[in-house]
Amino acid sequence: MADNSFQGQGPNPRRPDLKRKLVVVGDGGCGKTCLLIVYAENRFPEAYIPTVFENYVTEVHFDGKDIELALWDTAGQEEYDRLRPLSYPESNVILVVFSVDFPTSLANVQDKWYPEVAHFCEGTPLILVATKTDLRRDDQTRRMLGAQGLTPVSPEQGAAVAKEIGAKYIECSAKTGANVHDVFNLALKESMRRQWKIKQRRCVVI
């Protein structure tokens, strides 16, 4: 369990035991920025403003270690395709985000986002994150999707895609706060597991 009790500020700042970089990708409007703001600032932005978060550094205590966690937001719009790869170097974990009220955003995980991160971040742990789960039972959302012959993305559909791309799977709602911290606890756990594997492998080589 992570908490934000570790403080790296002040007259005698404690140095973190570890530094971790988390990058969030996905279609524009699928809730990436809201997810980050709710986690880092504990507030939900009611208005949609594309990619206002950009990046943020917070300190968390996780698994007995003080960790400096850098959160990197990215723009999902096509015009940013050439700039977005600049965010990827030295990433420790990638969150690939889609929203349950926008089935195309899940299709784009397979068609665009997984190929992109697999190319630029080979070997980096991936977590597929379903956002806006509160809209699964929202009547207006269901009507709008139904008019197009669609339904909200189910947990089973999301989990199936996660299995295909070799990612962990988790669902959340930034608006209600449901599972938001669980998303980042899982991300920290995956980044730590990767470090442990690397250390173990080095020990074997030695």
C-alpha atoms as a PDB file:
ATOM      1  CA  MET A   1       0.000   0.000   0.000  1.00  0.00           C
ATOM      2  CA  ALA A   2       1.364   3.393  -0.969  1.00  0.00           C
ATOM      3  CA  ASP A   3       0.870   6.581   0.969  1.00  0.00           C
ATOM      4  CA  ASN A   4       2.063  10.120   0.513  1.00  0.00           C
ATOM      5  CA  SER A   5       3.514  10.536   4.004  1.00  0.00           C
ATOM      6  CA  PHE A   6       7.109  10.599   2.783  1.00  0.00           C
ATOM      7  CA  GLN A   7       8.169  14.201   2.224  1.00  0.00           C
ATOM      8  CA  GLY A   8      11.184  15.152   0.154  1.00  0.00           C
ATOM      9  CA  GLN A   9      10.817  18.860   0.861  1.00  0.00           C
ATOM     10  CA  GLY A  10      11.863  21.066   3.790  1.00  0.00           C
ATOM     11  CA  PRO A  11      15.155  22.159   5.356  1.00  0.00           C
ATOM     12  CA  ASN A  12      16.442  18.591   5.714  1.00  0.00           C
ATOM     13  CA  PRO A  13      14.813  16.639   2.894  1.00  0.00           C
ATOM     14  CA  ARG A  14      15.125  12.882   2.982  1.00  0.00           C
ATOM     15  CA  ARG A  15      16.563  11.334  -0.118  1.00  0.00           C
ATOM     16  CA  PRO A  16      14.297   8.727  -1.702  1.00  0.00           C
ATOM     17  CA  ASP A  17      15.372   5.104  -1.687  1.00  0.00           C
ATOM     18  CA  LEU A  18      14.187   4.720  -5.271  1.00  0.00           C
ATOM     19  CA  LYS A  19      13.003   6.808  -8.196  1.00  0.00           C
ATOM     20  CA  ARG A  20      10.288   5.589 -10.513  1.00  0.00           C
ATOM     21  CA  LYS A  21       8.882   6.996 -13.747  1.00  0.00           C
ATOM     22  CA  LEU A  22       5.310   6.214 -14.767  1.00  0.00           C
ATOM     23  CA  VAL A  23       3.975   7.225 -18.190  1.00  0.00           C
ATOM     24  CA  VAL A  24       0.274   7.282 -19.088  1.00  0.00           C
ATOM     25  CA  VAL A  25      -0.892   6.830 -22.687  1.00  0.00           C
ATOM     26  CA  GLY A  26      -4.244   6.422 -24.419  1.00  0.00           C
ATOM     27  CA  ASP A  27      -6.773   8.171 -26.615  1.00  0.00           C
ATOM     28  CA  GLY A  28      -7.594  11.824 -26.023  1.00  0.00           C
ATOM     29  CA  GLY A  29     -10.551  12.283 -23.691  1.00  0.00           C
ATOM     30  CA  CYS A  30     -10.357   8.834 -22.090  1.00  0.00           C
ATOM     31  CA  GLY A  31      -9.514  10.148 -18.620  1.00  0.00           C
ATOM     32  CA  LYS A  32      -5.718  10.038 -18.367  1.00  0.00           C
ATOM     33  CA  THR A  33      -5.309  13.535 -16.940  1.00  0.00           C
ATOM     34  CA  CYS A  34      -8.244  13.183 -14.534  1.00  0.00           C
ATOM     35  CA  LEU A  35      -6.785   9.941 -13.199  1.00  0.00           C
ATOM     36  CA  LEU A  36      -3.452  11.612 -12.483  1.00  0.00           C
ATOM     37  CA  ILE A  37      -4.980  14.727 -10.920  1.00  0.00           C
ATOM     38  CA  VAL A  38      -7.229  12.723  -8.607  1.00  0.00           C
ATOM     39  CA  TYR A  39      -4.272  10.614  -7.467  1.00  0.00           C
ATOM     40  CA  ALA A  40      -1.743  13.423  -7.073  1.00  0.00           C
ATOM     41  CA  GLU A  41      -3.969  16.318  -5.989  1.00  0.00           C
ATOM     42  CA  ASN A  42      -7.047  14.570  -4.583  1.00  0.00           C
ATOM     43  CA  ARG A  43      -9.465  16.623  -6.679  1.00  0.00           C
ATOM     44  CA  PHE A  44     -11.588  15.889  -9.742  1.00  0.00           C
ATOM     45  CA  PRO A  45     -11.422  18.474 -12.566  1.00  0.00           C
ATOM     46  CA  GLU A  46     -14.966  18.961 -13.839  1.00  0.00           C
ATOM     47  CA  ALA A  47     -13.958  20.645 -17.108  1.00  0.00           C
ATOM     48  CA  TYR A  48     -12.112  18.755 -19.842  1.00  0.00           C
ATOM     49  CA  ILE A  49      -8.868  20.500 -20.707  1.00  0.00           C
ATOM     50  CA  PRO A  50      -6.591  18.340 -22.870  1.00  0.00           C
ATOM     51  CA  THR A  51      -3.285  17.435 -21.201  1.00  0.00           C
ATOM     52  CA  VAL A  52      -2.984  20.085 -18.528  1.00  0.00           C
ATOM     53  CA  PHE A  53      -1.181  17.775 -16.109  1.00  0.00           C
ATOM     54  CA  GLU A  54       1.948  17.084 -18.175  1.00  0.00           C
ATOM     55  CA  ASN A  55       4.239  15.739 -15.449  1.00  0.00           C
ATOM     56  CA  TYR A  56       4.339  15.761 -11.696  1.00  0.00           C
ATOM     57  CA  VAL A  57       6.691  14.419  -9.052  1.00  0.00           C
ATOM     58  CA  THR A  58       5.313  13.092  -5.793  1.00  0.00           C
ATOM     59  CA  GLU A  59       6.825  11.139  -2.927  1.00  0.00           C
ATOM     60  CA  VAL A  60       5.218   7.941  -1.695  1.00  0.00           C
ATOM     61  CA  HIS A  61       6.021   5.271   0.856  1.00  0.00           C
ATOM     62  CA  PHE A  62       5.571   1.803  -0.623  1.00  0.00           C
ATOM     63  CA  ASP A  63       6.729  -1.646   0.420  1.00  0.00           C
ATOM     64  CA  GLY A  64       8.958  -0.184   3.124  1.00  0.00           C
ATOM     65  CA  LYS A  65      10.714   2.210   0.749  1.00  0.00           C
ATOM     66  CA  ASP A  66      10.524   5.955   0.129  1.00  0.00           C
ATOM     67  CA  ILE A  67       9.951   6.419  -3.587  1.00  0.00           C
ATOM     68  CA  GLU A  68      10.106   9.531  -5.738  1.00  0.00           C
ATOM     69  CA  LEU A  69       7.389   8.909  -8.313  1.00  0.00           C
ATOM     70  CA  ALA A  70       7.402  10.911 -11.540  1.00  0.00           C
ATOM     71  CA  LEU A  71       4.018  10.873 -13.278  1.00  0.00           C
ATOM     72  CA  TRP A  72       4.106  11.693 -16.981  1.00  0.00           C
ATOM     73  CA  ASP A  73       0.924  12.596 -18.827  1.00  0.00           C
ATOM     74  CA  THR A  74       0.842  12.422 -22.628  1.00  0.00           C
ATOM     75  CA  ALA A  75      -1.409  13.803 -25.347  1.00  0.00           C
ATOM     76  CA  GLY A  76      -3.355  11.149 -27.215  1.00  0.00           C
ATOM     77  CA  GLN A  77      -4.228  13.269 -30.231  1.00  0.00           C
ATOM     78  CA  GLU A  78      -2.665  12.301 -33.553  1.00  0.00           C
ATOM     79  CA  GLU A  79      -0.877  15.640 -33.953  1.00  0.00           C
ATOM     80  CA  TYR A  80       1.309  14.713 -30.964  1.00  0.00           C
ATOM     81  CA  ASP A  81       2.425  11.350 -32.367  1.00  0.00           C
ATOM     82  CA  ARG A  82       5.935  12.603 -33.113  1.00  0.00           C
ATOM     83  CA  LEU A  83       6.410  14.348 -29.761  1.00  0.00           C
ATOM     84  CA  ARG A  84       4.992  11.666 -27.477  1.00  0.00           C
ATOM     85  CA  PRO A  85       7.973   9.258 -27.792  1.00  0.00           C
ATOM     86  CA  LEU A  86      10.102  11.879 -26.026  1.00  0.00           C
ATOM     87  CA  SER A  87       8.235  10.910 -22.842  1.00  0.00           C
ATOM     88  CA  TYR A  88       9.190   7.238 -22.982  1.00  0.00           C
ATOM     89  CA  PRO A  89      12.929   6.993 -22.157  1.00  0.00           C
ATOM     90  CA  GLU A  90      13.729   5.454 -18.751  1.00  0.00           C
ATOM     91  CA  SER A  91      10.088   4.587 -18.027  1.00  0.00           C
ATOM     92  CA  ASN A  92       9.614   1.987 -15.296  1.00  0.00           C
ATOM     93  CA  VAL A  93       5.952   1.238 -15.959  1.00  0.00           C
ATOM     94  CA  ILE A  94       3.373   2.263 -18.583  1.00  0.00           C
ATOM     95  CA  LEU A  95      -0.345   2.770 -17.971  1.00  0.00           C
ATOM     96  CA  VAL A  96      -2.339   2.202 -21.165  1.00  0.00           C
ATOM     97  CA  VAL A  97      -5.727   3.821 -20.589  1.00  0.00           C
ATOM     98  CA  PHE A  98      -9.118   3.417 -22.254  1.00  0.00           C
ATOM     99  CA  SER A  99     -12.598   4.495 -21.153  1.00  0.00           C
ATOM    100  CA  VAL A 100     -15.523   2.111 -20.861  1.00  0.00           C
ATOM    101  CA  ASP A 101     -17.904   4.609 -22.497  1.00  0.00           C
ATOM    102  CA  PHE A 102     -15.739   4.813 -25.637  1.00  0.00           C
ATOM    103  CA  PRO A 103     -15.248   1.317 -27.127  1.00  0.00           C
ATOM    104  CA  THR A 104     -13.021   2.723 -29.865  1.00  0.00           C
ATOM    105  CA  SER A 105     -10.462   3.644 -27.206  1.00  0.00           C
ATOM    106  CA  LEU A 106     -10.107  -0.056 -26.346  1.00  0.00           C
ATOM    107  CA  ALA A 107      -9.753  -0.990 -30.012  1.00  0.00           C
ATOM    108  CA  ASN A 108      -7.011   1.622 -30.283  1.00  0.00           C
ATOM    109  CA  VAL A 109      -5.112  -0.063 -27.449  1.00  0.00           C
ATOM    110  CA  GLN A 110      -4.448  -2.938 -29.836  1.00  0.00           C
ATOM    111  CA  ASP A 111      -4.201  -0.914 -33.035  1.00  0.00           C
ATOM    112  CA  LYS A 112      -2.090   2.015 -31.825  1.00  0.00           C
ATOM    113  CA  TRP A 113      -1.015   2.154 -28.192  1.00  0.00           C
ATOM    114  CA  TYR A 114       0.351  -1.315 -27.644  1.00  0.00           C
ATOM    115  CA  PRO A 115       2.414  -1.266 -30.877  1.00  0.00           C
ATOM    116  CA  GLU A 116       3.787   2.158 -29.934  1.00  0.00           C
ATOM    117  CA  VAL A 117       4.843   1.316 -26.383  1.00  0.00           C
ATOM    118  CA  ALA A 118       6.127  -2.109 -27.420  1.00  0.00           C
ATOM    119  CA  HIS A 119       8.402  -0.335 -29.904  1.00  0.00           C
ATOM    120  CA  PHE A 120       9.671   2.453 -27.652  1.00  0.00           C
ATOM    121  CA  CYS A 121       9.480   0.706 -24.250  1.00  0.00           C
ATOM    122  CA  GLU A 122      10.324  -2.909 -24.960  1.00  0.00           C
ATOM    123  CA  GLY A 123      10.312  -4.963 -21.770  1.00  0.00           C
ATOM    124  CA  THR A 124       8.648  -2.265 -19.652  1.00  0.00           C
ATOM    125  CA  PRO A 125       5.716  -3.518 -17.523  1.00  0.00           C
ATOM    126  CA  LEU A 126       2.302  -2.568 -18.916  1.00  0.00           C
ATOM    127  CA  ILE A 127      -0.955  -2.036 -17.056  1.00  0.00           C
ATOM    128  CA  LEU A 128      -4.214  -1.706 -18.977  1.00  0.00           C
ATOM    129  CA  VAL A 129      -6.495   0.690 -17.101  1.00  0.00           C
ATOM    130  CA  ALA A 130     -10.230   1.014 -17.706  1.00  0.00           C
ATOM    131  CA  THR A 131     -11.528   4.436 -16.660  1.00  0.00           C
ATOM    132  CA  LYS A 132     -14.991   5.955 -16.170  1.00  0.00           C
ATOM    133  CA  THR A 133     -16.454   2.723 -14.814  1.00  0.00           C
ATOM    134  CA  ASP A 134     -19.202   4.797 -13.176  1.00  0.00           C
ATOM    135  CA  LEU A 135     -20.651   5.317 -16.672  1.00  0.00           C
ATOM    136  CA  ARG A 136     -21.392   1.619 -17.223  1.00  0.00           C
ATOM    137  CA  ARG A 137     -24.761   2.081 -15.536  1.00  0.00           C
ATOM    138  CA  ASP A 138     -25.324   5.657 -16.681  1.00  0.00           C
ATOM    139  CA  ASP A 139     -28.574   5.791 -18.654  1.00  0.00           C
ATOM    140  CA  GLN A 140     -27.489   8.614 -20.956  1.00  0.00           C
ATOM    141  CA  THR A 141     -24.230   6.842 -21.805  1.00  0.00           C
ATOM    142  CA  ARG A 142     -26.049   3.587 -22.532  1.00  0.00           C
ATOM    143  CA  ARG A 143     -28.579   5.380 -24.756  1.00  0.00           C
ATOM    144  CA  MET A 144     -25.877   7.179 -26.736  1.00  0.00           C
ATOM    145  CA  LEU A 145     -23.910   3.984 -27.276  1.00  0.00           C
ATOM    146  CA  GLY A 146     -27.070   2.011 -28.001  1.00  0.00           C
ATOM    147  CA  ALA A 147     -27.950   4.423 -30.808  1.00  0.00           C
ATOM    148  CA  GLN A 148     -24.689   3.309 -32.458  1.00  0.00           C
ATOM    149  CA  GLY A 149     -25.314  -0.365 -31.795  1.00  0.00           C
ATOM    150  CA  LEU A 150     -22.723  -0.363 -29.002  1.00  0.00           C
ATOM    151  CA  THR A 151     -22.580  -1.023 -25.263  1.00  0.00           C
ATOM    152  CA  PRO A 152     -20.094   0.071 -22.579  1.00  0.00           C
ATOM    153  CA  VAL A 153     -16.930  -2.017 -22.505  1.00  0.00           C
ATOM    154  CA  SER A 154     -17.354  -4.925 -20.099  1.00  0.00           C
ATOM    155  CA  PRO A 155     -14.731  -6.072 -17.564  1.00  0.00           C
ATOM    156  CA  GLU A 156     -14.368  -9.284 -19.556  1.00  0.00           C
ATOM    157  CA  GLN A 157     -13.608  -7.393 -22.778  1.00  0.00           C
ATOM    158  CA  GLY A 158     -10.967  -5.299 -21.055  1.00  0.00           C
ATOM    159  CA  ALA A 159      -9.370  -8.312 -19.379  1.00  0.00           C
ATOM    160  CA  ALA A 160      -9.234 -10.169 -22.708  1.00  0.00           C
ATOM    161  CA  VAL A 161      -7.296  -7.336 -24.355  1.00  0.00           C
ATOM    162  CA  ALA A 162      -4.955  -7.110 -21.368  1.00  0.00           C
ATOM    163  CA  LYS A 163      -4.206 -10.814 -21.725  1.00  0.00           C
ATOM    164  CA  GLU A 164      -3.495 -10.395 -25.437  1.00  0.00           C
ATOM    165  CA  ILE A 165      -0.942  -7.628 -24.875  1.00  0.00           C
ATOM    166  CA  GLY A 166       0.614  -9.176 -21.770  1.00  0.00           C
ATOM    167  CA  ALA A 167      -0.573  -6.447 -19.397  1.00  0.00           C
ATOM    168  CA  LYS A 168      -2.042  -6.440 -15.917  1.00  0.00           C
ATOM    169  CA  TYR A 169      -5.651  -5.229 -15.859  1.00  0.00           C
ATOM    170  CA  ILE A 170      -7.441  -2.897 -13.450  1.00  0.00           C
ATOM    171  CA  GLU A 171     -10.553  -0.707 -13.551  1.00  0.00           C
ATOM    172  CA  CYS A 172     -11.264   2.613 -11.867  1.00  0.00           C
ATOM    173  CA  SER A 173     -13.373   5.751 -11.787  1.00  0.00           C
ATOM    174  CA  ALA A 174     -11.601   9.048 -11.235  1.00  0.00           C
ATOM    175  CA  LYS A 175     -14.948  10.770 -10.672  1.00  0.00           C
ATOM    176  CA  THR A 176     -15.998   8.540  -7.763  1.00  0.00           C
ATOM    177  CA  GLY A 177     -12.435   7.783  -6.683  1.00  0.00           C
ATOM    178  CA  ALA A 178     -13.042   4.035  -6.938  1.00  0.00           C
ATOM    179  CA  ASN A 179      -9.767   2.075  -7.242  1.00  0.00           C
ATOM    180  CA  VAL A 180      -7.699   5.139  -8.178  1.00  0.00           C
ATOM    181  CA  HIS A 181      -5.048   4.443  -5.548  1.00  0.00           C
ATOM    182  CA  ASP A 182      -5.161   0.747  -6.410  1.00  0.00           C
ATOM    183  CA  VAL A 183      -4.082   1.642  -9.952  1.00  0.00           C
ATOM    184  CA  PHE A 184      -0.925   3.326  -8.708  1.00  0.00           C
ATOM    185  CA  ASN A 185      -0.235   0.704  -6.042  1.00  0.00           C
ATOM    186  CA  LEU A 186      -0.280  -1.889  -8.823  1.00  0.00           C
ATOM    187  CA  ALA A 187       1.985   0.300 -10.953  1.00  0.00           C
ATOM    188  CA  LEU A 188       4.492   0.643  -8.117  1.00  0.00           C
ATOM    189  CA  LYS A 189       4.346  -3.093  -7.455  1.00  0.00           C
ATOM    190  CA  GLU A 190       5.027  -3.893 -11.109  1.00  0.00           C
ATOM    191  CA  SER A 191       7.934  -1.442 -11.300  1.00  0.00           C
ATOM    192  CA  MET A 192       9.450  -2.949  -8.143  1.00  0.00           C
ATOM    193  CA  ARG A 193       9.027  -6.480  -9.446  1.00  0.00           C
ATOM    194  CA  ARG A 194      10.885  -5.549 -12.612  1.00  0.00           C
ATOM    195  CA  GLN A 195      13.769  -4.109 -10.561  1.00  0.00           C
ATOM    196  CA  TRP A 196      13.890  -7.263  -8.444  1.00  0.00           C
ATOM    197  CA  LYS A 197      14.086  -9.430 -11.559  1.00  0.00           C
ATOM    198  CA  ILE A 198      16.922  -7.326 -12.959  1.00  0.00           C
ATOM    199  CA  LYS A 199      18.830  -7.512  -9.681  1.00  0.00           C
ATOM    200  CA  GLN A 200      18.283 -11.251  -9.471  1.00  0.00           C
ATOM    201  CA  ARG A 201      19.497 -11.729 -13.018  1.00  0.00           C
ATOM    202  CA  ARG A 202      22.619  -9.692 -12.306  1.00  0.00           C
ATOM    203  CA  CYS A 203      23.340 -11.827  -9.263  1.00  0.00           C
ATOM    204  CA  VAL A 204      23.106 -14.956 -11.388  1.00  0.00           C
ATOM    205  CA  VAL A 205      25.537 -13.493 -13.928  1.00  0.00           C
ATOM    206  CA  ILE A 206      28.019 -12.589 -11.209  1.00  0.00           C
END
